[in-house]
Amino acid sequence: MTIFSLLLQPDELARRLDKKNLLLIDLGNEESYLAHHVPGAVHLDYTHIVAARPPVMGLLPDEHRLSRVLSQLGFTPASHVIAYDAEGNGRASRFLWTLEELGHERFSLLDGGLKAWLAEGYPVEEGRQSRQPSHFHGHYQGNKAIDKEYILAHLSDPKVVILDARSPAEYHGEYVRAQRGGHIPGAVNFEWTQAIDQERNLRFKPMEELRSSLEALGITPDKEIICHCQTHHRSAHTCMVLKYLGYPKIKGYPGSWSEWGNDPDTPIEV
C-alpha cells in the first residue's frame, strides 16, 4: 500500500511519481494545465464538482453526476488521490473535501500546489493526460457536509464554532456579495489566506503557527468546527488546514454565505 501524508511536499511526490494506484488531479484552468502540469496528472474542471441552485452556489453535485466525473478520471476506492491547483489550493481542497464526504480518505494535498512545483524546478509535462475510465458509484456519507438547518440548531451550542473564512470586509458587511452582508451570529473570522505562507510558494504556514493563530480565536480541537465562506471554496482549504492539525470534528457548509446571506429569514450580525 502506498502511504502519503495528508500534506505532501513536492520533493516527496517527485521521488514517488511511479507508485501504484496514484491518481494525480490538476484543478487549475485548462490553459495552464495544457502548458505544464505534474507528470501523469489528469485535468478536472472545478465546475464539474460543484452544483448551483441560484442564488445558492457551491453545493454538492448529485451522487450520479459526481460518480460519472470520478469514473472519467479513472478513480477507484483503491486510488490514492493527490490534488493541486495553481491558486493556493482552494479548488484542490474542495475536491478532497468532497471525496471525504464520499467516505474516501486516501488522499493528499500537494503543499504549495503548482506554484511550488514550478518555482522549485520539478519536472512537468505538456498536453492532455487521460486514464482508463472506471465504474465508480459513490454515496455521500453525511459526515462532513451540513446545511442551514444544522447551523440554526447549533447557533447557541458552546461546543460548536462557526469559522468564517471570508475576508474581514465580507465578514463585517463592508463588501456584500449577497442580498445581505455581515456574518452568521457568533461566527469567528479567520480569512483562509492567513494559513498560506506567501514566502514559501503558497504552502501551509508552520503547524505551530497555525495552531496558535486558531486557538487564539477560540478555534480549539475539543469543539466541532463548521467552516464556510461564500461557496465553500476558500473554507474547504481551511478544512484541510484543520485536518492537517488533527482537529477531529470538522464540517463544511456548502451553501455558505450564498445561501445564508440570500435568505431573509436567517439571523445575521454585522
Protein backbone atom coordinates (compact mmCIF):
# COMPACT_ATOMS: atom_id res chain seq x y z
CA MET A 1 0.00 0.00 0.00
CA THR A 2 1.30 3.46 -0.91
CA ILE A 3 1.20 5.76 2.07
CA PHE A 4 1.47 9.52 1.68
CA SER A 5 0.90 12.18 4.30
CA LEU A 6 -2.14 14.43 4.04
CA LEU A 7 0.08 17.42 3.24
CA LEU A 8 2.52 16.19 0.62
CA GLN A 9 5.74 18.03 -0.13
CA PRO A 10 6.80 18.41 -3.78
CA ASP A 11 10.14 16.66 -3.25
CA GLU A 12 8.43 13.56 -1.86
CA LEU A 13 5.97 13.41 -4.75
CA ALA A 14 8.78 13.85 -7.27
CA ARG A 15 10.51 10.80 -5.81
CA ARG A 16 7.39 8.66 -5.87
CA LEU A 17 5.55 9.52 -9.07
CA ASP A 18 5.77 5.91 -10.21
CA LYS A 19 3.92 4.45 -7.23
CA LYS A 20 0.95 2.19 -7.92
CA ASN A 21 -2.62 3.47 -7.54
CA LEU A 22 -1.66 7.15 -7.65
CA LEU A 23 -4.25 9.46 -9.21
CA LEU A 24 -2.93 13.00 -9.69
CA ILE A 25 -5.61 15.64 -10.23
CA ASP A 26 -4.90 19.14 -11.56
CA LEU A 27 -7.73 21.57 -10.78
CA GLY A 28 -6.14 24.60 -12.39
CA ASN A 29 -7.55 26.22 -15.51
CA GLU A 30 -7.29 24.20 -18.70
CA GLU A 31 -4.87 26.55 -20.44
CA SER A 32 -2.39 26.28 -17.59
CA TYR A 33 -2.82 22.52 -17.42
CA LEU A 34 -2.08 22.05 -21.12
CA ALA A 35 1.03 24.21 -20.84
CA HIS A 36 2.53 22.44 -17.83
CA HIS A 37 1.39 20.02 -15.17
CA VAL A 38 2.83 17.44 -12.80
CA PRO A 39 3.73 14.36 -14.87
CA GLY A 40 0.79 11.98 -15.11
CA ALA A 41 -1.80 14.44 -13.76
CA VAL A 42 -5.25 14.50 -15.31
CA HIS A 43 -7.28 17.69 -15.52
CA LEU A 44 -10.53 18.24 -13.66
CA ASP A 45 -12.73 21.26 -14.35
CA TYR A 46 -13.75 22.69 -10.99
CA THR A 47 -17.29 23.37 -12.21
CA HIS A 48 -17.80 19.61 -12.52
CA ILE A 49 -17.58 19.09 -8.76
CA VAL A 50 -19.99 21.81 -7.61
CA ALA A 51 -23.66 22.46 -8.26
CA ALA A 52 -25.86 25.55 -8.05
CA ARG A 53 -29.45 26.47 -7.30
CA PRO A 54 -29.15 30.26 -7.79
CA PRO A 55 -28.64 32.29 -5.79
CA VAL A 56 -27.18 29.41 -3.79
CA MET A 57 -23.88 28.27 -5.26
CA GLY A 58 -21.15 25.81 -4.33
CA LEU A 59 -23.47 22.93 -3.50
CA LEU A 60 -22.54 19.28 -3.76
CA PRO A 61 -23.47 17.77 -7.13
CA ASP A 62 -25.83 14.82 -7.08
CA GLU A 63 -24.18 11.46 -6.50
CA HIS A 64 -24.77 10.18 -10.03
CA ARG A 65 -23.17 13.22 -11.65
CA LEU A 66 -20.18 13.15 -9.34
CA SER A 67 -19.76 9.41 -9.84
CA ARG A 68 -19.63 9.92 -13.60
CA VAL A 69 -16.99 12.64 -13.22
CA LEU A 70 -14.84 10.47 -10.97
CA SER A 71 -15.25 7.46 -13.26
CA GLN A 72 -13.99 9.50 -16.21
CA LEU A 73 -10.86 10.25 -14.18
CA GLY A 74 -10.26 6.56 -13.54
CA PHE A 75 -11.00 6.91 -9.83
CA THR A 76 -11.49 3.76 -7.74
CA PRO A 77 -11.66 3.14 -3.98
CA ALA A 78 -8.03 1.93 -4.21
CA SER A 79 -6.83 5.24 -5.64
CA HIS A 80 -4.60 7.48 -3.59
CA VAL A 81 -5.60 10.90 -4.90
CA ILE A 82 -3.13 13.77 -4.95
CA ALA A 83 -4.75 17.09 -5.82
CA TYR A 84 -3.40 20.55 -6.51
CA ASP A 85 -4.24 23.77 -8.31
CA ALA A 86 -2.42 26.97 -9.22
CA GLU A 87 -4.29 29.41 -6.98
CA GLY A 88 -3.45 28.44 -3.40
CA ASN A 89 -5.16 25.03 -3.35
CA GLY A 90 -8.71 26.21 -2.65
CA ARG A 91 -10.12 24.21 -5.55
CA ALA A 92 -7.98 21.19 -4.75
CA SER A 93 -9.11 21.30 -1.13
CA ARG A 94 -12.77 21.46 -2.14
CA PHE A 95 -12.26 18.38 -4.29
CA LEU A 96 -10.60 16.45 -1.48
CA TRP A 97 -13.28 17.55 0.98
CA THR A 98 -15.87 16.19 -1.46
CA LEU A 99 -14.05 12.86 -1.63
CA GLU A 100 -14.09 12.80 2.16
CA GLU A 101 -17.86 13.28 2.13
CA LEU A 102 -17.98 10.21 -0.13
CA GLY A 103 -16.08 8.30 2.53
CA HIS A 104 -12.77 8.26 0.64
CA GLU A 105 -9.81 9.43 2.69
CA ARG A 106 -6.90 8.07 0.67
CA PHE A 107 -5.77 11.48 -0.48
CA SER A 108 -3.09 14.16 -0.19
CA LEU A 109 -2.87 17.86 -0.93
CA LEU A 110 0.29 18.92 -2.76
CA ASP A 111 1.68 21.62 -0.48
CA GLY A 112 2.00 24.87 -2.43
CA GLY A 113 0.30 23.34 -5.45
CA LEU A 114 1.55 24.09 -8.93
CA LYS A 115 3.25 27.31 -7.81
CA ALA A 116 5.65 25.44 -5.54
CA TRP A 117 6.16 22.65 -8.09
CA LEU A 118 7.15 25.07 -10.85
CA ALA A 119 9.13 27.51 -8.71
CA GLU A 120 11.27 24.73 -7.30
CA GLY A 121 12.12 23.17 -10.64
CA TYR A 122 10.34 19.83 -10.54
CA PRO A 123 9.59 18.07 -13.86
CA VAL A 124 6.50 18.92 -15.88
CA GLU A 125 4.78 17.67 -18.99
CA GLU A 126 2.52 19.31 -21.56
CA GLY A 127 -0.69 18.33 -23.27
CA ARG A 128 -3.58 16.25 -22.01
CA GLN A 129 -3.32 13.08 -19.99
CA SER A 130 -6.15 10.57 -19.69
CA ARG A 131 -6.79 7.47 -17.63
CA GLN A 132 -8.71 4.29 -18.29
CA PRO A 133 -12.26 5.07 -17.12
CA SER A 134 -13.57 3.23 -14.09
CA HIS A 135 -17.08 2.35 -12.95
CA PHE A 136 -17.32 4.15 -9.65
CA HIS A 137 -20.64 4.63 -7.85
CA GLY A 138 -20.33 6.84 -4.80
CA HIS A 139 -22.68 7.80 -2.00
CA TYR A 140 -22.45 10.75 0.35
CA GLN A 141 -21.89 9.73 3.95
CA GLY A 142 -23.39 12.83 5.59
CA ASN A 143 -20.40 13.18 7.91
CA LYS A 144 -18.71 16.31 6.55
CA ALA A 145 -21.38 18.46 4.88
CA ILE A 146 -24.02 20.29 6.87
CA ASP A 147 -26.90 22.55 5.88
CA LYS A 148 -28.53 25.78 7.04
CA GLU A 149 -30.87 23.96 9.43
CA TYR A 150 -27.94 22.34 11.18
CA ILE A 151 -26.34 25.72 11.81
CA LEU A 152 -29.60 27.24 13.04
CA ALA A 153 -29.90 24.38 15.52
CA HIS A 154 -26.38 24.96 16.84
CA LEU A 155 -26.11 28.75 16.99
CA SER A 156 -26.02 28.74 20.78
CA ASP A 157 -24.09 25.50 21.19
CA PRO A 158 -20.89 26.19 23.19
CA LYS A 159 -19.34 23.04 21.73
CA VAL A 160 -19.57 24.40 18.16
CA VAL A 161 -17.51 27.12 16.47
CA ILE A 162 -18.57 28.63 13.15
CA LEU A 163 -15.41 29.59 11.26
CA ASP A 164 -15.94 32.22 8.57
CA ALA A 165 -13.06 32.02 6.09
CA ARG A 166 -14.09 35.11 4.09
CA SER A 167 -12.29 38.43 4.10
CA PRO A 168 -12.81 40.79 7.05
CA ALA A 169 -14.67 43.16 4.70
CA GLU A 170 -17.17 40.43 3.84
CA TYR A 171 -17.45 39.34 7.47
CA HIS A 172 -18.22 42.88 8.63
CA GLY A 173 -20.69 43.57 5.83
CA GLU A 174 -18.50 46.16 4.12
CA TYR A 175 -18.24 44.05 0.96
CA VAL A 176 -21.59 42.48 0.20
CA ARG A 177 -21.89 39.51 -2.17
CA ALA A 178 -25.48 38.52 -1.38
CA GLN A 179 -28.77 40.27 -0.62
CA ARG A 180 -27.43 40.98 2.85
CA GLY A 181 -23.97 41.49 4.27
CA GLY A 182 -22.50 40.52 7.60
CA HIS A 183 -21.89 37.17 9.24
CA ILE A 184 -23.61 34.29 10.98
CA PRO A 185 -24.18 35.20 14.65
CA GLY A 186 -21.21 34.17 16.77
CA ALA A 187 -19.03 33.25 13.80
CA VAL A 188 -15.28 33.72 14.14
CA ASN A 189 -13.39 35.29 11.23
CA PHE A 190 -10.21 33.52 10.08
CA GLU A 191 -9.56 34.54 6.47
CA TRP A 192 -8.34 31.49 4.57
CA THR A 193 -5.19 33.24 3.33
CA GLN A 194 -3.99 33.58 6.93
CA ALA A 195 -3.00 29.92 6.67
CA ILE A 196 -0.93 30.42 3.50
CA ASP A 197 2.77 31.25 3.56
CA GLN A 198 3.33 33.71 0.72
CA GLU A 199 7.10 33.46 1.23
CA ARG A 200 7.15 29.69 0.73
CA ASN A 201 5.29 29.35 -2.56
CA LEU A 202 1.78 29.19 -1.05
CA ARG A 203 2.49 26.31 1.31
CA PHE A 204 0.68 25.95 4.62
CA LYS A 205 2.24 28.04 7.35
CA PRO A 206 4.14 26.07 10.01
CA MET A 207 1.97 23.82 12.14
CA GLU A 208 2.59 25.55 15.46
CA GLU A 209 1.95 28.98 13.96
CA LEU A 210 -1.37 27.80 12.56
CA ARG A 211 -2.36 26.15 15.79
CA SER A 212 -1.54 29.26 17.81
CA SER A 213 -3.49 31.57 15.49
CA LEU A 214 -6.59 29.38 15.57
CA GLU A 215 -6.58 28.71 19.29
CA ALA A 216 -6.22 32.45 19.98
CA LEU A 217 -9.62 32.82 18.29
CA GLY A 218 -11.19 30.04 20.36
CA ILE A 219 -10.97 27.55 17.48
CA THR A 220 -9.84 24.59 19.57
CA PRO A 221 -9.74 20.82 18.88
CA ASP A 222 -12.29 19.99 21.58
CA LYS A 223 -15.02 21.76 19.61
CA GLU A 224 -16.84 20.97 16.40
CA ILE A 225 -15.70 23.43 13.74
CA ILE A 226 -18.08 24.43 10.94
CA CYS A 227 -16.27 26.14 8.06
CA HIS A 228 -17.87 28.36 5.46
CA CYS A 229 -17.11 31.22 3.07
CA GLN A 230 -19.21 32.33 0.10
CA THR A 231 -19.46 28.95 -1.63
CA HIS A 232 -17.26 26.62 0.49
CA HIS A 233 -14.30 27.08 -1.83
CA ARG A 234 -11.96 29.09 0.38
CA SER A 235 -13.28 27.41 3.52
CA ALA A 236 -12.56 23.95 2.09
CA HIS A 237 -8.89 24.95 2.27
CA THR A 238 -9.47 25.82 5.93
CA CYS A 239 -11.00 22.37 6.45
CA MET A 240 -7.78 20.84 5.12
CA VAL A 241 -5.72 23.03 7.45
CA LEU A 242 -7.77 21.84 10.43
CA LYS A 243 -7.46 18.22 9.30
CA TYR A 244 -3.70 18.67 8.96
CA LEU A 245 -3.61 19.98 12.54
CA GLY A 246 -5.51 16.93 13.78
CA TYR A 247 -8.83 18.56 14.61
CA PRO A 248 -11.26 15.64 14.94
CA LYS A 249 -14.63 17.33 14.32
CA ILE A 250 -14.65 19.38 11.12
CA LYS A 251 -17.68 20.11 8.96
CA GLY A 252 -18.27 22.28 5.90
CA TYR A 253 -21.29 24.31 4.86
CA PRO A 254 -21.54 24.05 1.04
CA GLY A 255 -24.20 26.73 0.58
CA SER A 256 -22.22 29.11 2.79
CA TRP A 257 -22.98 32.83 2.56
CA SER A 258 -24.55 32.43 -0.89
CA GLU A 259 -27.38 30.68 0.94
CA TRP A 260 -27.33 32.34 4.36
CA GLY A 261 -26.94 35.89 3.06
CA ASN A 262 -29.71 35.43 0.48
CA ASP A 263 -32.26 34.04 2.91
CA PRO A 264 -34.27 36.87 4.51
CA ASP A 265 -35.15 34.67 7.48
CA THR A 266 -31.66 33.80 8.70
CA PRO A 267 -30.18 35.89 11.53
CA ILE A 268 -27.07 37.93 10.84
CA GLU A 269 -24.60 40.12 12.67
CA VAL A 270 -22.51 42.93 11.21
